[in-house]
Amino acid sequence: MARNSFWKGYLRLSLVTASVSLTPATTESEKVRFHVLNRATKNRVESRYIDSVTHKKVADKDQVKGFPKGEDDYVLLEDDEIEGVGLESTRTIDISTFVPRDSIDWLWYDKPHFLVPEDKVGAEAFCVIREAMTRNNVVGIARLVLYRRERAVLLVPNGKGIVLWTLHYGEDVREAVADLDMKAKGGKAEMAALAKLVEKDKGAWSPTLVQDPVQKKIKAFIKSRQKKDGKPAKTSRAPVKSSGNVINIMDALKKSLQQEKSG
């Protein structure tokens, strides 16, 4: 199925330039979405900006962004002023740096996009850039304006194409937990028992492993409601009971293995 690109521009490495387009690699189009309605009239409810003091509606032309510098005191910034401090070009992915492919932790990865050449003329330049990164086992870092913000992006060779990942901002990624006992290791018996469980449950990757069960149930529930016009069915969730007992890992592994054999 053909996908509509949401961004078109150029991929550039030094003097090598290719016309390219971006398409999000993930979608939420299948996600169930609800409208907020007025229960009495069944009309949709609208969201509007109102003044927090006068409670009057504020027209679009009267809305402005403000940065607080004191109590009830703000620095006012117009949209064109904010855009003026961004990248000069929003249509060029200019690769500025290369880093080893395995040097960036997955915590930094945000959203994936498919990057593909737009025409036959740019396809050759695109392939040259992709192959150069593949042979040297590196990924490229650039900057790009996406989703109305300037972002650092990562270009990763992937088969015949390139996957462009937006990266989290530096202030968005938290420090790793530092108070763990990293020297703690299981004994040979525990590791052997755990290895048996891992081997038994090992399988091939499939997208079905990460399906959203809640969305599936909601769709089925909506479908059943469409067939009959009645009151919403009440759903109950069984409480999770706790035995209150704490057992060590070896006992848990032994019980797991015994259950597997008896099963």
C-alpha atoms as a PDB file:
ATOM      1  CA  MET A   1       0.000   0.000   0.000  1.00  0.00           C
ATOM      2  CA  ALA A   2       1.393   3.407  -0.996  1.00  0.00           C
ATOM      3  CA  ARG A   3       2.067   5.779   1.882  1.00  0.00           C
ATOM      4  CA  ASN A   4       1.782   9.535   1.610  1.00  0.00           C
ATOM      5  CA  SER A   5       4.995  11.325   2.558  1.00  0.00           C
ATOM      6  CA  PHE A   6       4.591  14.139   5.060  1.00  0.00           C
ATOM      7  CA  TRP A   7       7.983  15.797   4.413  1.00  0.00           C
ATOM      8  CA  LYS A   8      10.011  16.361   1.241  1.00  0.00           C
ATOM      9  CA  GLY A   9      13.469  17.871   0.960  1.00  0.00           C
ATOM     10  CA  TYR A  10      17.106  16.961   0.415  1.00  0.00           C
ATOM     11  CA  LEU A  11      19.669  14.633   1.971  1.00  0.00           C
ATOM     12  CA  ARG A  12      23.152  16.100   1.749  1.00  0.00           C
ATOM     13  CA  LEU A  13      26.633  14.864   2.579  1.00  0.00           C
ATOM     14  CA  SER A  14      29.293  17.361   1.532  1.00  0.00           C
ATOM     15  CA  LEU A  15      28.712  17.811  -2.231  1.00  0.00           C
ATOM     16  CA  VAL A  16      26.498  14.725  -2.597  1.00  0.00           C
ATOM     17  CA  THR A  17      22.793  15.657  -2.574  1.00  0.00           C
ATOM     18  CA  ALA A  18      19.659  13.563  -3.071  1.00  0.00           C
ATOM     19  CA  SER A  19      16.011  14.551  -3.255  1.00  0.00           C
ATOM     20  CA  VAL A  20      14.214  12.554  -0.531  1.00  0.00           C
ATOM     21  CA  SER A  21      10.924  12.182   1.317  1.00  0.00           C
ATOM     22  CA  LEU A  22       9.983  11.085   4.822  1.00  0.00           C
ATOM     23  CA  THR A  23       7.132   8.847   5.907  1.00  0.00           C
ATOM     24  CA  PRO A  24       6.397   7.892   9.535  1.00  0.00           C
ATOM     25  CA  ALA A  25       7.332   4.253  10.117  1.00  0.00           C
ATOM     26  CA  THR A  26       4.581   3.800  12.718  1.00  0.00           C
ATOM     27  CA  THR A  27       0.919   4.736  12.750  1.00  0.00           C
ATOM     28  CA  GLU A  28      -1.933   5.053  15.230  1.00  0.00           C
ATOM     29  CA  SER A  29      -4.654   5.025  12.576  1.00  0.00           C
ATOM     30  CA  GLU A  30      -6.033   1.737  13.915  1.00  0.00           C
ATOM     31  CA  LYS A  31      -6.312   3.084  17.457  1.00  0.00           C
ATOM     32  CA  VAL A  32      -9.862   3.575  18.703  1.00  0.00           C
ATOM     33  CA  ARG A  33     -10.605   7.255  19.233  1.00  0.00           C
ATOM     34  CA  PHE A  34     -13.586   8.781  21.002  1.00  0.00           C
ATOM     35  CA  HIS A  35     -15.339  12.136  20.748  1.00  0.00           C
ATOM     36  CA  VAL A  36     -16.394  14.011  23.875  1.00  0.00           C
ATOM     37  CA  LEU A  37     -20.139  14.620  23.686  1.00  0.00           C
ATOM     38  CA  ASN A  38     -22.819  16.466  25.585  1.00  0.00           C
ATOM     39  CA  ARG A  39     -24.735  13.616  27.205  1.00  0.00           C
ATOM     40  CA  ALA A  40     -28.069  15.455  26.870  1.00  0.00           C
ATOM     41  CA  THR A  41     -27.836  16.626  23.246  1.00  0.00           C
ATOM     42  CA  LYS A  42     -25.239  14.171  21.835  1.00  0.00           C
ATOM     43  CA  ASN A  43     -23.477  17.188  20.307  1.00  0.00           C
ATOM     44  CA  ARG A  44     -19.685  17.248  20.263  1.00  0.00           C
ATOM     45  CA  VAL A  45     -17.965  19.367  22.922  1.00  0.00           C
ATOM     46  CA  GLU A  46     -15.470  21.951  21.670  1.00  0.00           C
ATOM     47  CA  SER A  47     -12.279  23.102  23.389  1.00  0.00           C
ATOM     48  CA  ARG A  48     -11.657  26.840  23.397  1.00  0.00           C
ATOM     49  CA  TYR A  49      -9.077  29.152  24.917  1.00  0.00           C
ATOM     50  CA  ILE A  50     -10.557  31.484  27.510  1.00  0.00           C
ATOM     51  CA  ASP A  51      -9.050  34.157  29.724  1.00  0.00           C
ATOM     52  CA  SER A  52      -8.286  32.655  33.140  1.00  0.00           C
ATOM     53  CA  VAL A  53      -9.578  35.787  34.923  1.00  0.00           C
ATOM     54  CA  THR A  54     -12.376  37.210  32.771  1.00  0.00           C
ATOM     55  CA  HIS A  55     -13.435  33.759  31.478  1.00  0.00           C
ATOM     56  CA  LYS A  56     -14.068  35.298  28.060  1.00  0.00           C
ATOM     57  CA  LYS A  57     -13.082  33.599  24.819  1.00  0.00           C
ATOM     58  CA  VAL A  58      -9.727  34.751  23.399  1.00  0.00           C
ATOM     59  CA  ALA A  59      -9.568  35.123  19.595  1.00  0.00           C
ATOM     60  CA  ASP A  60      -6.691  33.492  17.708  1.00  0.00           C
ATOM     61  CA  LYS A  61      -5.199  36.876  16.783  1.00  0.00           C
ATOM     62  CA  ASP A  62      -5.031  37.835  20.465  1.00  0.00           C
ATOM     63  CA  GLN A  63      -3.190  34.679  21.575  1.00  0.00           C
ATOM     64  CA  VAL A  64       0.563  35.043  22.141  1.00  0.00           C
ATOM     65  CA  LYS A  65       3.246  32.876  23.739  1.00  0.00           C
ATOM     66  CA  GLY A  66       4.764  34.099  26.979  1.00  0.00           C
ATOM     67  CA  PHE A  67       7.720  33.046  29.141  1.00  0.00           C
ATOM     68  CA  PRO A  68       7.273  33.794  32.869  1.00  0.00           C
ATOM     69  CA  LYS A  69       9.938  36.075  34.349  1.00  0.00           C
ATOM     70  CA  GLY A  70       8.086  36.968  37.542  1.00  0.00           C
ATOM     71  CA  GLU A  71       4.663  36.895  39.167  1.00  0.00           C
ATOM     72  CA  ASP A  72       2.112  37.940  36.532  1.00  0.00           C
ATOM     73  CA  ASP A  73       5.009  39.178  34.383  1.00  0.00           C
ATOM     74  CA  TYR A  74       5.928  37.579  31.056  1.00  0.00           C
ATOM     75  CA  VAL A  75       8.263  37.968  28.107  1.00  0.00           C
ATOM     76  CA  LEU A  76       5.963  37.937  25.049  1.00  0.00           C
ATOM     77  CA  LEU A  77       7.196  36.139  21.926  1.00  0.00           C
ATOM     78  CA  GLU A  78       5.580  36.127  18.494  1.00  0.00           C
ATOM     79  CA  ASP A  79       5.551  32.966  16.358  1.00  0.00           C
ATOM     80  CA  ASP A  80       7.857  34.476  13.715  1.00  0.00           C
ATOM     81  CA  GLU A  81      10.350  35.451  16.442  1.00  0.00           C
ATOM     82  CA  ILE A  82      10.482  31.875  17.719  1.00  0.00           C
ATOM     83  CA  GLU A  83      10.837  30.484  14.197  1.00  0.00           C
ATOM     84  CA  GLY A  84      13.636  32.976  13.493  1.00  0.00           C
ATOM     85  CA  VAL A  85      15.998  31.324  15.993  1.00  0.00           C
ATOM     86  CA  GLY A  86      15.604  27.899  14.380  1.00  0.00           C
ATOM     87  CA  LEU A  87      17.392  26.339  11.442  1.00  0.00           C
ATOM     88  CA  GLU A  88      17.872  28.528   8.390  1.00  0.00           C
ATOM     89  CA  SER A  89      16.850  25.639   6.154  1.00  0.00           C
ATOM     90  CA  THR A  90      14.032  23.314   7.122  1.00  0.00           C
ATOM     91  CA  ARG A  91      14.239  21.286   3.919  1.00  0.00           C
ATOM     92  CA  THR A  92      17.761  19.884   4.031  1.00  0.00           C
ATOM     93  CA  ILE A  93      19.061  16.969   6.084  1.00  0.00           C
ATOM     94  CA  ASP A  94      22.717  17.948   6.242  1.00  0.00           C
ATOM     95  CA  ILE A  95      24.716  15.098   7.825  1.00  0.00           C
ATOM     96  CA  SER A  96      27.229  16.780  10.125  1.00  0.00           C
ATOM     97  CA  THR A  97      28.660  13.885  12.142  1.00  0.00           C
ATOM     98  CA  PHE A  98      29.142  10.119  11.983  1.00  0.00           C
ATOM     99  CA  VAL A  99      29.329   7.897  15.069  1.00  0.00           C
ATOM    100  CA  PRO A 100      29.740   4.102  15.530  1.00  0.00           C
ATOM    101  CA  ARG A 101      26.441   2.364  14.959  1.00  0.00           C
ATOM    102  CA  ASP A 102      26.301   0.750  18.396  1.00  0.00           C
ATOM    103  CA  SER A 103      27.419   3.821  20.356  1.00  0.00           C
ATOM    104  CA  ILE A 104      23.963   5.362  20.904  1.00  0.00           C
ATOM    105  CA  ASP A 105      21.801   3.815  23.602  1.00  0.00           C
ATOM    106  CA  TRP A 106      18.212   2.972  22.612  1.00  0.00           C
ATOM    107  CA  LEU A 107      16.981   5.338  25.316  1.00  0.00           C
ATOM    108  CA  TRP A 108      17.726   8.212  22.954  1.00  0.00           C
ATOM    109  CA  TYR A 109      15.592   6.867  20.092  1.00  0.00           C
ATOM    110  CA  ASP A 110      12.222   8.609  19.670  1.00  0.00           C
ATOM    111  CA  LYS A 111      10.183   8.198  16.456  1.00  0.00           C
ATOM    112  CA  PRO A 112      11.196   6.212  13.339  1.00  0.00           C
ATOM    113  CA  HIS A 113      10.620   7.407   9.764  1.00  0.00           C
ATOM    114  CA  PHE A 114      11.314   5.848   6.375  1.00  0.00           C
ATOM    115  CA  LEU A 115      13.672   7.982   4.282  1.00  0.00           C
ATOM    116  CA  VAL A 116      13.563   7.216   0.545  1.00  0.00           C
ATOM    117  CA  PRO A 117      14.780   8.918  -2.649  1.00  0.00           C
ATOM    118  CA  GLU A 118      12.185  10.918  -4.556  1.00  0.00           C
ATOM    119  CA  ASP A 119      13.455  10.387  -8.081  1.00  0.00           C
ATOM    120  CA  LYS A 120      15.897   8.329 -10.168  1.00  0.00           C
ATOM    121  CA  VAL A 121      18.410  11.165 -10.266  1.00  0.00           C
ATOM    122  CA  GLY A 122      18.662  11.300  -6.484  1.00  0.00           C
ATOM    123  CA  ALA A 123      18.528   7.515  -6.030  1.00  0.00           C
ATOM    124  CA  GLU A 124      22.196   7.069  -6.953  1.00  0.00           C
ATOM    125  CA  ALA A 125      23.386   9.711  -4.491  1.00  0.00           C
ATOM    126  CA  PHE A 126      21.066   8.245  -1.852  1.00  0.00           C
ATOM    127  CA  CYS A 127      22.529   4.763  -2.332  1.00  0.00           C
ATOM    128  CA  VAL A 128      26.095   6.073  -2.164  1.00  0.00           C
ATOM    129  CA  ILE A 129      25.417   7.717   1.216  1.00  0.00           C
ATOM    130  CA  ARG A 130      23.627   4.619   2.524  1.00  0.00           C
ATOM    131  CA  GLU A 131      26.385   2.236   1.427  1.00  0.00           C
ATOM    132  CA  ALA A 132      29.115   4.471   2.847  1.00  0.00           C
ATOM    133  CA  MET A 133      27.482   4.274   6.277  1.00  0.00           C
ATOM    134  CA  THR A 134      26.880   0.526   5.983  1.00  0.00           C
ATOM    135  CA  ARG A 135      30.459  -0.350   5.010  1.00  0.00           C
ATOM    136  CA  ASN A 136      31.916   1.799   7.778  1.00  0.00           C
ATOM    137  CA  ASN A 137      29.362   0.572  10.338  1.00  0.00           C
ATOM    138  CA  VAL A 138      28.394   4.124  11.290  1.00  0.00           C
ATOM    139  CA  VAL A 139      25.218   6.179  11.543  1.00  0.00           C
ATOM    140  CA  GLY A 140      24.763   9.824  10.645  1.00  0.00           C
ATOM    141  CA  ILE A 141      23.590  12.672  12.860  1.00  0.00           C
ATOM    142  CA  ALA A 142      21.879  15.784  11.494  1.00  0.00           C
ATOM    143  CA  ARG A 143      19.343  18.401  12.542  1.00  0.00           C
ATOM    144  CA  LEU A 144      15.893  18.904  11.093  1.00  0.00           C
ATOM    145  CA  VAL A 145      12.671  20.779  11.830  1.00  0.00           C
ATOM    146  CA  LEU A 146       9.916  18.206  12.380  1.00  0.00           C
ATOM    147  CA  TYR A 147       6.634  18.466  14.249  1.00  0.00           C
ATOM    148  CA  ARG A 148       7.207  22.230  14.569  1.00  0.00           C
ATOM    149  CA  ARG A 149      10.439  21.789  16.531  1.00  0.00           C
ATOM    150  CA  GLU A 150      14.109  21.590  15.648  1.00  0.00           C
ATOM    151  CA  ARG A 151      15.352  18.099  16.382  1.00  0.00           C
ATOM    152  CA  ALA A 152      18.515  16.059  16.276  1.00  0.00           C
ATOM    153  CA  VAL A 153      17.959  13.083  13.985  1.00  0.00           C
ATOM    154  CA  LEU A 154      19.785   9.811  13.457  1.00  0.00           C
ATOM    155  CA  LEU A 155      20.138   8.186  10.038  1.00  0.00           C
ATOM    156  CA  VAL A 156      20.463   4.401  10.164  1.00  0.00           C
ATOM    157  CA  PRO A 157      21.006   2.260   7.014  1.00  0.00           C
ATOM    158  CA  ASN A 158      18.258  -0.337   6.820  1.00  0.00           C
ATOM    159  CA  GLY A 159      18.160  -2.763   3.913  1.00  0.00           C
ATOM    160  CA  LYS A 160      17.681  -0.778   0.706  1.00  0.00           C
ATOM    161  CA  GLY A 161      16.634   2.339   2.556  1.00  0.00           C
ATOM    162  CA  ILE A 162      17.465   4.514   5.529  1.00  0.00           C
ATOM    163  CA  VAL A 163      15.506   4.857   8.757  1.00  0.00           C
ATOM    164  CA  LEU A 164      15.541   8.350  10.206  1.00  0.00           C
ATOM    165  CA  TRP A 165      15.000   8.449  13.956  1.00  0.00           C
ATOM    166  CA  THR A 166      14.178  11.618  15.819  1.00  0.00           C
ATOM    167  CA  LEU A 167      16.193  11.656  19.042  1.00  0.00           C
ATOM    168  CA  HIS A 168      15.100  12.710  22.497  1.00  0.00           C
ATOM    169  CA  TYR A 169      16.484  16.012  23.705  1.00  0.00           C
ATOM    170  CA  GLY A 170      19.346  15.857  26.184  1.00  0.00           C
ATOM    171  CA  GLU A 171      17.179  17.171  29.018  1.00  0.00           C
ATOM    172  CA  ASP A 172      14.500  14.530  28.302  1.00  0.00           C
ATOM    173  CA  VAL A 173      16.646  11.482  29.076  1.00  0.00           C
ATOM    174  CA  ARG A 174      17.070  10.749  32.766  1.00  0.00           C
ATOM    175  CA  GLU A 175      20.135   9.329  34.456  1.00  0.00           C
ATOM    176  CA  ALA A 176      20.164   5.556  34.885  1.00  0.00           C
ATOM    177  CA  VAL A 177      19.361   4.114  38.304  1.00  0.00           C
ATOM    178  CA  ALA A 178      22.643   4.266  40.206  1.00  0.00           C
ATOM    179  CA  ASP A 179      21.851   2.476  43.472  1.00  0.00           C
ATOM    180  CA  LEU A 180      21.608  -1.054  42.047  1.00  0.00           C
ATOM    181  CA  ASP A 181      24.068  -3.708  43.188  1.00  0.00           C
ATOM    182  CA  MET A 182      25.644  -4.355  39.790  1.00  0.00           C
ATOM    183  CA  LYS A 183      27.961  -7.036  41.234  1.00  0.00           C
ATOM    184  CA  ALA A 184      25.101  -9.302  42.315  1.00  0.00           C
ATOM    185  CA  LYS A 185      25.011 -12.508  40.286  1.00  0.00           C
ATOM    186  CA  GLY A 186      23.000 -15.684  40.534  1.00  0.00           C
ATOM    187  CA  GLY A 187      24.596 -18.992  41.410  1.00  0.00           C
ATOM    188  CA  LYS A 188      25.209 -21.781  38.911  1.00  0.00           C
ATOM    189  CA  ALA A 189      22.095 -23.684  39.956  1.00  0.00           C
ATOM    190  CA  GLU A 190      19.863 -20.621  39.564  1.00  0.00           C
ATOM    191  CA  MET A 191      21.359 -19.739  36.203  1.00  0.00           C
ATOM    192  CA  ALA A 192      20.983 -23.320  34.919  1.00  0.00           C
ATOM    193  CA  ALA A 193      17.326 -23.439  35.984  1.00  0.00           C
ATOM    194  CA  LEU A 194      16.642 -20.038  34.480  1.00  0.00           C
ATOM    195  CA  ALA A 195      18.367 -21.050  31.227  1.00  0.00           C
ATOM    196  CA  LYS A 196      15.918 -23.951  30.881  1.00  0.00           C
ATOM    197  CA  LEU A 197      12.947 -21.598  31.232  1.00  0.00           C
ATOM    198  CA  VAL A 198      14.420 -19.164  28.719  1.00  0.00           C
ATOM    199  CA  GLU A 199      15.102 -21.961  26.223  1.00  0.00           C
ATOM    200  CA  LYS A 200      11.562 -23.297  26.536  1.00  0.00           C
ATOM    201  CA  ASP A 201       9.944 -19.890  25.975  1.00  0.00           C
ATOM    202  CA  LYS A 202      12.303 -18.808  23.193  1.00  0.00           C
ATOM    203  CA  GLY A 203      10.635 -18.240  19.831  1.00  0.00           C
ATOM    204  CA  ALA A 204      10.735 -16.198  16.647  1.00  0.00           C
ATOM    205  CA  TRP A 205       9.843 -12.518  16.601  1.00  0.00           C
ATOM    206  CA  SER A 206       6.380 -11.648  15.344  1.00  0.00           C
ATOM    207  CA  PRO A 207       4.375  -8.381  15.446  1.00  0.00           C
ATOM    208  CA  THR A 208       1.596 -10.385  17.115  1.00  0.00           C
ATOM    209  CA  LEU A 209       3.750 -10.450  20.266  1.00  0.00           C
ATOM    210  CA  VAL A 210       3.183  -6.731  20.779  1.00  0.00           C
ATOM    211  CA  GLN A 211      -0.475  -6.340  19.839  1.00  0.00           C
ATOM    212  CA  ASP A 212      -2.589  -4.125  22.084  1.00  0.00           C
ATOM    213  CA  PRO A 213      -5.111  -6.409  23.845  1.00  0.00           C
ATOM    214  CA  VAL A 214      -7.065  -3.447  25.258  1.00  0.00           C
ATOM    215  CA  GLN A 215      -7.701  -1.984  21.785  1.00  0.00           C
ATOM    216  CA  LYS A 216      -8.839  -5.407  20.575  1.00  0.00           C
ATOM    217  CA  LYS A 217     -11.313  -5.720  23.445  1.00  0.00           C
ATOM    218  CA  ILE A 218     -12.600  -2.158  22.953  1.00  0.00           C
ATOM    219  CA  LYS A 219     -13.243  -2.809  19.243  1.00  0.00           C
ATOM    220  CA  ALA A 220     -15.118  -6.016  20.066  1.00  0.00           C
ATOM    221  CA  PHE A 221     -17.129  -4.202  22.735  1.00  0.00           C
ATOM    222  CA  ILE A 222     -18.057  -1.375  20.336  1.00  0.00           C
ATOM    223  CA  LYS A 223     -19.050  -3.894  17.670  1.00  0.00           C
ATOM    224  CA  SER A 224     -21.359  -5.662  20.112  1.00  0.00           C
ATOM    225  CA  ARG A 225     -22.882  -2.346  21.193  1.00  0.00           C
ATOM    226  CA  GLN A 226     -23.566  -1.402  17.578  1.00  0.00           C
ATOM    227  CA  LYS A 227     -25.758  -4.481  17.245  1.00  0.00           C
ATOM    228  CA  LYS A 228     -27.975  -3.554  20.146  1.00  0.00           C
ATOM    229  CA  ASP A 229     -29.107  -0.311  21.666  1.00  0.00           C
ATOM    230  CA  GLY A 230     -28.968  -0.788  25.403  1.00  0.00           C
ATOM    231  CA  LYS A 231     -27.229   0.335  28.550  1.00  0.00           C
ATOM    232  CA  PRO A 232     -23.445   0.014  28.736  1.00  0.00           C
ATOM    233  CA  ALA A 233     -22.405  -3.377  29.956  1.00  0.00           C
ATOM    234  CA  LYS A 234     -20.754  -3.306  33.324  1.00  0.00           C
ATOM    235  CA  THR A 235     -17.264  -4.716  33.417  1.00  0.00           C
ATOM    236  CA  SER A 236     -15.504  -5.929  36.509  1.00  0.00           C
ATOM    237  CA  ARG A 237     -11.876  -6.597  37.135  1.00  0.00           C
ATOM    238  CA  ALA A 238     -10.890  -9.281  39.597  1.00  0.00           C
ATOM    239  CA  PRO A 239      -8.632  -7.934  42.326  1.00  0.00           C
ATOM    240  CA  VAL A 240      -5.091  -9.191  42.361  1.00  0.00           C
ATOM    241  CA  LYS A 241      -4.505 -11.246  45.459  1.00  0.00           C
ATOM    242  CA  SER A 242      -1.152 -11.427  47.149  1.00  0.00           C
ATOM    243  CA  SER A 243      -0.048 -14.347  49.258  1.00  0.00           C
ATOM    244  CA  GLY A 244       2.112 -12.057  51.327  1.00  0.00           C
ATOM    245  CA  ASN A 245       4.937 -14.602  51.236  1.00  0.00           C
ATOM    246  CA  VAL A 246       8.383 -13.770  49.917  1.00  0.00           C
ATOM    247  CA  ILE A 247      10.319 -16.661  48.359  1.00  0.00           C
ATOM    248  CA  ASN A 248      13.812 -16.757  46.979  1.00  0.00           C
ATOM    249  CA  ILE A 249      14.553 -17.013  43.268  1.00  0.00           C
ATOM    250  CA  MET A 250      15.704 -20.635  43.398  1.00  0.00           C
ATOM    251  CA  ASP A 251      12.425 -21.778  44.973  1.00  0.00           C
ATOM    252  CA  ALA A 252      10.497 -19.859  42.325  1.00  0.00           C
ATOM    253  CA  LEU A 253      12.528 -21.410  39.517  1.00  0.00           C
ATOM    254  CA  LYS A 254      12.067 -24.928  40.908  1.00  0.00           C
ATOM    255  CA  LYS A 255       8.310 -24.423  41.120  1.00  0.00           C
ATOM    256  CA  SER A 256       8.220 -23.049  37.577  1.00  0.00           C
ATOM    257  CA  LEU A 257      10.114 -26.059  36.237  1.00  0.00           C
ATOM    258  CA  GLN A 258       7.883 -28.481  38.167  1.00  0.00           C
ATOM    259  CA  GLN A 259       4.767 -26.806  36.722  1.00  0.00           C
ATOM    260  CA  GLU A 260       6.213 -27.049  33.212  1.00  0.00           C
ATOM    261  CA  LYS A 261       6.926 -30.772  33.636  1.00  0.00           C
ATOM    262  CA  SER A 262       3.527 -31.529  35.154  1.00  0.00           C
ATOM    263  CA  GLY A 263       1.865 -29.527  32.399  1.00  0.00           C
END
